[in-house]
């Protein structure tokens, strides 16, 4: 009989979040380097959120706080990149569903923006999206990659909330 992940230890549950983030990043890199799908600026911000969530989850899994309040605080900290990533992915999905005449025009490449804009201006510019972010070049079961990323962030956030706030 297979072990039940819902009854796993606090540390194991956060290690599963870390592994899920590794899998998400592995597929993102596969899509970029093997499938030759160029990530748009919003995709890059979603990757940053996945990496941040993975690192935070790994630290939580390694530290393994024992007290309920410490576990709740760890869960709240892990929810920050999960919810931020979900917000960016939701924005990306919204841009992809705009009518063609309302899609923002394509801007300069992300590397150029990163080199020329201050950080907060870069964040504002990226979150407005552009024509590149509206293109759908990959689908699975009829849904684009940002939709699947949004689903992943929501599932991971629910898993984190379950792991951090359930009574043990």
C-alpha atoms as a PDB file:
ATOM      1  CA  UNK A   1       0.000   0.000   0.000  1.00  0.00           C
ATOM      2  CA  UNK A   2       1.376   3.424  -0.991  1.00  0.00           C
ATOM      3  CA  UNK A   3       2.061   6.005   1.733  1.00  0.00           C
ATOM      4  CA  UNK A   4      -0.542   8.716   2.120  1.00  0.00           C
ATOM      5  CA  UNK A   5       1.005  12.172   1.439  1.00  0.00           C
ATOM      6  CA  UNK A   6      -1.778  13.818   3.475  1.00  0.00           C
ATOM      7  CA  UNK A   7      -0.532  12.018   6.579  1.00  0.00           C
ATOM      8  CA  UNK A   8       3.132  12.722   5.898  1.00  0.00           C
ATOM      9  CA  UNK A   9       5.192  14.757   8.335  1.00  0.00           C
ATOM     10  CA  UNK A  10       5.323  18.541   8.148  1.00  0.00           C
ATOM     11  CA  UNK A  11       8.862  18.356   6.783  1.00  0.00           C
ATOM     12  CA  UNK A  12       7.951  15.766   4.157  1.00  0.00           C
ATOM     13  CA  UNK A  13       4.992  17.829   2.977  1.00  0.00           C
ATOM     14  CA  UNK A  14       7.204  20.854   2.391  1.00  0.00           C
ATOM     15  CA  UNK A  15       9.814  18.677   0.722  1.00  0.00           C
ATOM     16  CA  UNK A  16       7.060  17.587  -1.690  1.00  0.00           C
ATOM     17  CA  UNK A  17       6.435  21.268  -2.502  1.00  0.00           C
ATOM     18  CA  UNK A  18      10.158  21.645  -3.198  1.00  0.00           C
ATOM     19  CA  UNK A  19      10.072  18.602  -5.516  1.00  0.00           C
ATOM     20  CA  UNK A  20       7.014  19.972  -7.324  1.00  0.00           C
ATOM     21  CA  UNK A  21       8.852  23.267  -7.883  1.00  0.00           C
ATOM     22  CA  UNK A  22      11.856  21.343  -9.235  1.00  0.00           C
ATOM     23  CA  UNK A  23       9.556  19.520 -11.654  1.00  0.00           C
ATOM     24  CA  UNK A  24       7.936  22.794 -12.777  1.00  0.00           C
ATOM     25  CA  UNK A  25      11.321  24.395 -13.405  1.00  0.00           C
ATOM     26  CA  UNK A  26      12.608  21.290 -15.177  1.00  0.00           C
ATOM     27  CA  UNK A  27       9.675  21.423 -17.586  1.00  0.00           C
ATOM     28  CA  UNK A  28      10.073  25.187 -18.084  1.00  0.00           C
ATOM     29  CA  UNK A  29      13.719  24.671 -19.041  1.00  0.00           C
ATOM     30  CA  UNK A  30      12.773  21.727 -21.280  1.00  0.00           C
ATOM     31  CA  UNK A  31      10.160  23.894 -23.017  1.00  0.00           C
ATOM     32  CA  UNK A  32      12.703  26.666 -23.510  1.00  0.00           C
ATOM     33  CA  UNK A  33      15.743  24.668 -24.603  1.00  0.00           C
ATOM     34  CA  UNK A  34      14.243  21.594 -26.289  1.00  0.00           C
ATOM     35  CA  UNK A  35      10.885  22.829 -27.567  1.00  0.00           C
ATOM     36  CA  UNK A  36      12.432  26.235 -28.337  1.00  0.00           C
ATOM     37  CA  UNK A  37       9.655  28.234 -26.643  1.00  0.00           C
ATOM     38  CA  UNK A  38      11.038  31.652 -25.748  1.00  0.00           C
ATOM     39  CA  UNK A  39       9.770  32.789 -22.310  1.00  0.00           C
ATOM     40  CA  UNK A  40       8.067  36.167 -22.203  1.00  0.00           C
ATOM     41  CA  UNK A  41       8.677  38.619 -19.330  1.00  0.00           C
ATOM     42  CA  UNK A  42       5.650  37.346 -17.387  1.00  0.00           C
ATOM     43  CA  UNK A  43       6.917  33.773 -17.819  1.00  0.00           C
ATOM     44  CA  UNK A  44      10.239  34.830 -16.326  1.00  0.00           C
ATOM     45  CA  UNK A  45       8.499  36.354 -13.288  1.00  0.00           C
ATOM     46  CA  UNK A  46       6.517  33.131 -12.843  1.00  0.00           C
ATOM     47  CA  UNK A  47       9.796  31.195 -12.923  1.00  0.00           C
ATOM     48  CA  UNK A  48      11.212  33.493 -10.253  1.00  0.00           C
ATOM     49  CA  UNK A  49       8.160  32.758  -8.075  1.00  0.00           C
ATOM     50  CA  UNK A  50       8.569  28.992  -8.617  1.00  0.00           C
ATOM     51  CA  UNK A  51      12.253  29.176  -7.673  1.00  0.00           C
ATOM     52  CA  UNK A  52      11.512  31.317  -4.602  1.00  0.00           C
ATOM     53  CA  UNK A  53       8.751  28.939  -3.502  1.00  0.00           C
ATOM     54  CA  UNK A  54      11.037  25.963  -4.010  1.00  0.00           C
ATOM     55  CA  UNK A  55      13.858  27.492  -1.984  1.00  0.00           C
ATOM     56  CA  UNK A  56      11.564  28.605   0.846  1.00  0.00           C
ATOM     57  CA  UNK A  57       9.966  25.151   0.942  1.00  0.00           C
ATOM     58  CA  UNK A  58      13.355  23.441   1.017  1.00  0.00           C
ATOM     59  CA  UNK A  59      14.496  25.608   3.941  1.00  0.00           C
ATOM     60  CA  UNK A  60      11.242  24.888   5.795  1.00  0.00           C
ATOM     61  CA  UNK A  61      11.634  21.154   5.121  1.00  0.00           C
ATOM     62  CA  UNK A  62      15.223  21.200   6.390  1.00  0.00           C
ATOM     63  CA  UNK A  63      14.497  23.291   9.487  1.00  0.00           C
ATOM     64  CA  UNK A  64      11.218  21.544  10.297  1.00  0.00           C
ATOM     65  CA  UNK A  65       9.768  23.845  12.961  1.00  0.00           C
ATOM     66  CA  UNK A  66       8.125  21.910  15.802  1.00  0.00           C
ATOM     67  CA  UNK A  67       5.809  24.449  17.427  1.00  0.00           C
ATOM     68  CA  UNK A  68       2.401  25.079  15.845  1.00  0.00           C
ATOM     69  CA  UNK A  69       2.956  28.848  15.666  1.00  0.00           C
ATOM     70  CA  UNK A  70       6.325  28.394  14.009  1.00  0.00           C
ATOM     71  CA  UNK A  71       4.743  26.022  11.478  1.00  0.00           C
ATOM     72  CA  UNK A  72       1.987  28.532  10.802  1.00  0.00           C
ATOM     73  CA  UNK A  73       4.540  31.306  10.320  1.00  0.00           C
ATOM     74  CA  UNK A  74       6.564  29.080   7.978  1.00  0.00           C
ATOM     75  CA  UNK A  75       3.398  28.379   6.013  1.00  0.00           C
ATOM     76  CA  UNK A  76       2.608  32.082   5.740  1.00  0.00           C
ATOM     77  CA  UNK A  77       6.138  32.759   4.492  1.00  0.00           C
ATOM     78  CA  UNK A  78       5.785  29.992   1.882  1.00  0.00           C
ATOM     79  CA  UNK A  79       2.422  31.356   0.781  1.00  0.00           C
ATOM     80  CA  UNK A  80       4.009  34.668  -0.252  1.00  0.00           C
ATOM     81  CA  UNK A  81       5.814  33.385  -3.387  1.00  0.00           C
ATOM     82  CA  UNK A  82       2.965  30.949  -4.121  1.00  0.00           C
ATOM     83  CA  UNK A  83       0.350  33.712  -4.134  1.00  0.00           C
ATOM     84  CA  UNK A  84       2.652  36.156  -5.939  1.00  0.00           C
ATOM     85  CA  UNK A  85       3.235  33.553  -8.642  1.00  0.00           C
ATOM     86  CA  UNK A  86      -0.505  32.883  -8.863  1.00  0.00           C
ATOM     87  CA  UNK A  87      -1.103  36.617  -9.282  1.00  0.00           C
ATOM     88  CA  UNK A  88       1.424  36.913 -12.113  1.00  0.00           C
ATOM     89  CA  UNK A  89       0.059  33.786 -13.800  1.00  0.00           C
ATOM     90  CA  UNK A  90      -3.519  35.113 -13.481  1.00  0.00           C
ATOM     91  CA  UNK A  91      -2.422  38.381 -15.064  1.00  0.00           C
ATOM     92  CA  UNK A  92      -0.774  36.404 -17.891  1.00  0.00           C
ATOM     93  CA  UNK A  93      -3.948  34.366 -18.479  1.00  0.00           C
ATOM     94  CA  UNK A  94      -5.983  37.589 -18.538  1.00  0.00           C
ATOM     95  CA  UNK A  95      -3.654  39.133 -21.146  1.00  0.00           C
ATOM     96  CA  UNK A  96      -3.907  35.986 -23.271  1.00  0.00           C
ATOM     97  CA  UNK A  97      -7.696  36.248 -23.246  1.00  0.00           C
ATOM     98  CA  UNK A  98      -7.878  39.908 -24.281  1.00  0.00           C
ATOM     99  CA  UNK A  99      -9.406  40.680 -27.672  1.00  0.00           C
ATOM    100  CA  UNK A 100      -6.616  41.166 -30.272  1.00  0.00           C
ATOM    101  CA  UNK A 101      -7.243  44.912 -30.539  1.00  0.00           C
ATOM    102  CA  UNK A 102      -6.698  45.348 -26.767  1.00  0.00           C
ATOM    103  CA  UNK A 103      -3.445  43.403 -26.443  1.00  0.00           C
ATOM    104  CA  UNK A 104      -0.534  45.682 -25.445  1.00  0.00           C
ATOM    105  CA  UNK A 105       2.065  46.145 -28.164  1.00  0.00           C
ATOM    106  CA  UNK A 106       5.307  44.194 -28.034  1.00  0.00           C
ATOM    107  CA  UNK A 107       8.087  45.957 -26.202  1.00  0.00           C
ATOM    108  CA  UNK A 108      11.853  45.551 -26.115  1.00  0.00           C
ATOM    109  CA  UNK A 109      13.352  42.224 -24.994  1.00  0.00           C
ATOM    110  CA  UNK A 110      13.465  41.454 -21.270  1.00  0.00           C
ATOM    111  CA  UNK A 111      17.296  41.523 -21.218  1.00  0.00           C
ATOM    112  CA  UNK A 112      17.265  45.097 -22.541  1.00  0.00           C
ATOM    113  CA  UNK A 113      14.649  46.154 -19.983  1.00  0.00           C
ATOM    114  CA  UNK A 114      16.646  44.550 -17.170  1.00  0.00           C
ATOM    115  CA  UNK A 115      19.773  46.481 -18.178  1.00  0.00           C
ATOM    116  CA  UNK A 116      18.105  49.865 -18.696  1.00  0.00           C
ATOM    117  CA  UNK A 117      15.304  50.195 -16.136  1.00  0.00           C
ATOM    118  CA  UNK A 118      15.409  50.552 -12.354  1.00  0.00           C
ATOM    119  CA  UNK A 119      13.987  47.488 -10.580  1.00  0.00           C
ATOM    120  CA  UNK A 120      10.526  48.874  -9.727  1.00  0.00           C
ATOM    121  CA  UNK A 121      10.098  50.335 -13.218  1.00  0.00           C
ATOM    122  CA  UNK A 122      11.068  46.923 -14.621  1.00  0.00           C
ATOM    123  CA  UNK A 123       8.449  45.202 -12.441  1.00  0.00           C
ATOM    124  CA  UNK A 124       5.764  47.701 -13.504  1.00  0.00           C
ATOM    125  CA  UNK A 125       6.687  47.314 -17.178  1.00  0.00           C
ATOM    126  CA  UNK A 126       6.699  43.526 -17.058  1.00  0.00           C
ATOM    127  CA  UNK A 127       3.378  43.296 -15.226  1.00  0.00           C
ATOM    128  CA  UNK A 128       1.673  45.363 -17.913  1.00  0.00           C
ATOM    129  CA  UNK A 129       2.545  42.547 -20.317  1.00  0.00           C
ATOM    130  CA  UNK A 130       3.030  42.891 -24.031  1.00  0.00           C
ATOM    131  CA  UNK A 131       2.118  41.266 -27.326  1.00  0.00           C
ATOM    132  CA  UNK A 132       4.681  38.540 -26.748  1.00  0.00           C
ATOM    133  CA  UNK A 133       2.867  37.573 -23.520  1.00  0.00           C
ATOM    134  CA  UNK A 134      -0.442  37.283 -25.393  1.00  0.00           C
ATOM    135  CA  UNK A 135       0.832  34.655 -27.848  1.00  0.00           C
ATOM    136  CA  UNK A 136      -0.185  31.090 -27.122  1.00  0.00           C
ATOM    137  CA  UNK A 137       2.449  28.795 -28.594  1.00  0.00           C
ATOM    138  CA  UNK A 138       1.889  25.711 -26.395  1.00  0.00           C
ATOM    139  CA  UNK A 139      -1.213  24.001 -25.070  1.00  0.00           C
ATOM    140  CA  UNK A 140      -2.020  20.862 -23.129  1.00  0.00           C
ATOM    141  CA  UNK A 141      -5.625  19.671 -22.920  1.00  0.00           C
ATOM    142  CA  UNK A 142      -6.614  22.938 -24.583  1.00  0.00           C
ATOM    143  CA  UNK A 143      -5.008  25.180 -21.950  1.00  0.00           C
ATOM    144  CA  UNK A 144      -1.942  27.388 -22.271  1.00  0.00           C
ATOM    145  CA  UNK A 145       1.152  27.157 -20.096  1.00  0.00           C
ATOM    146  CA  UNK A 146       0.142  30.172 -17.929  1.00  0.00           C
ATOM    147  CA  UNK A 147      -3.159  28.433 -17.135  1.00  0.00           C
ATOM    148  CA  UNK A 148      -1.299  25.315 -16.023  1.00  0.00           C
ATOM    149  CA  UNK A 149       1.142  27.446 -14.039  1.00  0.00           C
ATOM    150  CA  UNK A 150      -1.770  29.201 -12.327  1.00  0.00           C
ATOM    151  CA  UNK A 151      -3.333  25.841 -11.475  1.00  0.00           C
ATOM    152  CA  UNK A 152       0.035  24.665 -10.112  1.00  0.00           C
ATOM    153  CA  UNK A 153       0.414  27.733  -7.890  1.00  0.00           C
ATOM    154  CA  UNK A 154      -3.140  27.386  -6.548  1.00  0.00           C
ATOM    155  CA  UNK A 155      -2.672  23.671  -5.807  1.00  0.00           C
ATOM    156  CA  UNK A 156       0.684  24.341  -4.115  1.00  0.00           C
ATOM    157  CA  UNK A 157      -0.801  27.198  -2.055  1.00  0.00           C
ATOM    158  CA  UNK A 158      -3.639  24.928  -0.899  1.00  0.00           C
ATOM    159  CA  UNK A 159      -1.128  22.187  -0.068  1.00  0.00           C
ATOM    160  CA  UNK A 160       0.993  24.656   1.931  1.00  0.00           C
ATOM    161  CA  UNK A 161      -2.063  25.907   3.831  1.00  0.00           C
ATOM    162  CA  UNK A 162      -3.055  22.317   4.603  1.00  0.00           C
ATOM    163  CA  UNK A 163       0.456  21.386   5.733  1.00  0.00           C
ATOM    164  CA  UNK A 164       0.990  24.504   7.836  1.00  0.00           C
ATOM    165  CA  UNK A 165      -2.378  24.940   9.493  1.00  0.00           C
ATOM    166  CA  UNK A 166      -3.767  21.447  10.049  1.00  0.00           C
ATOM    167  CA  UNK A 167      -3.920  20.101  13.578  1.00  0.00           C
ATOM    168  CA  UNK A 168      -1.407  17.367  14.263  1.00  0.00           C
END
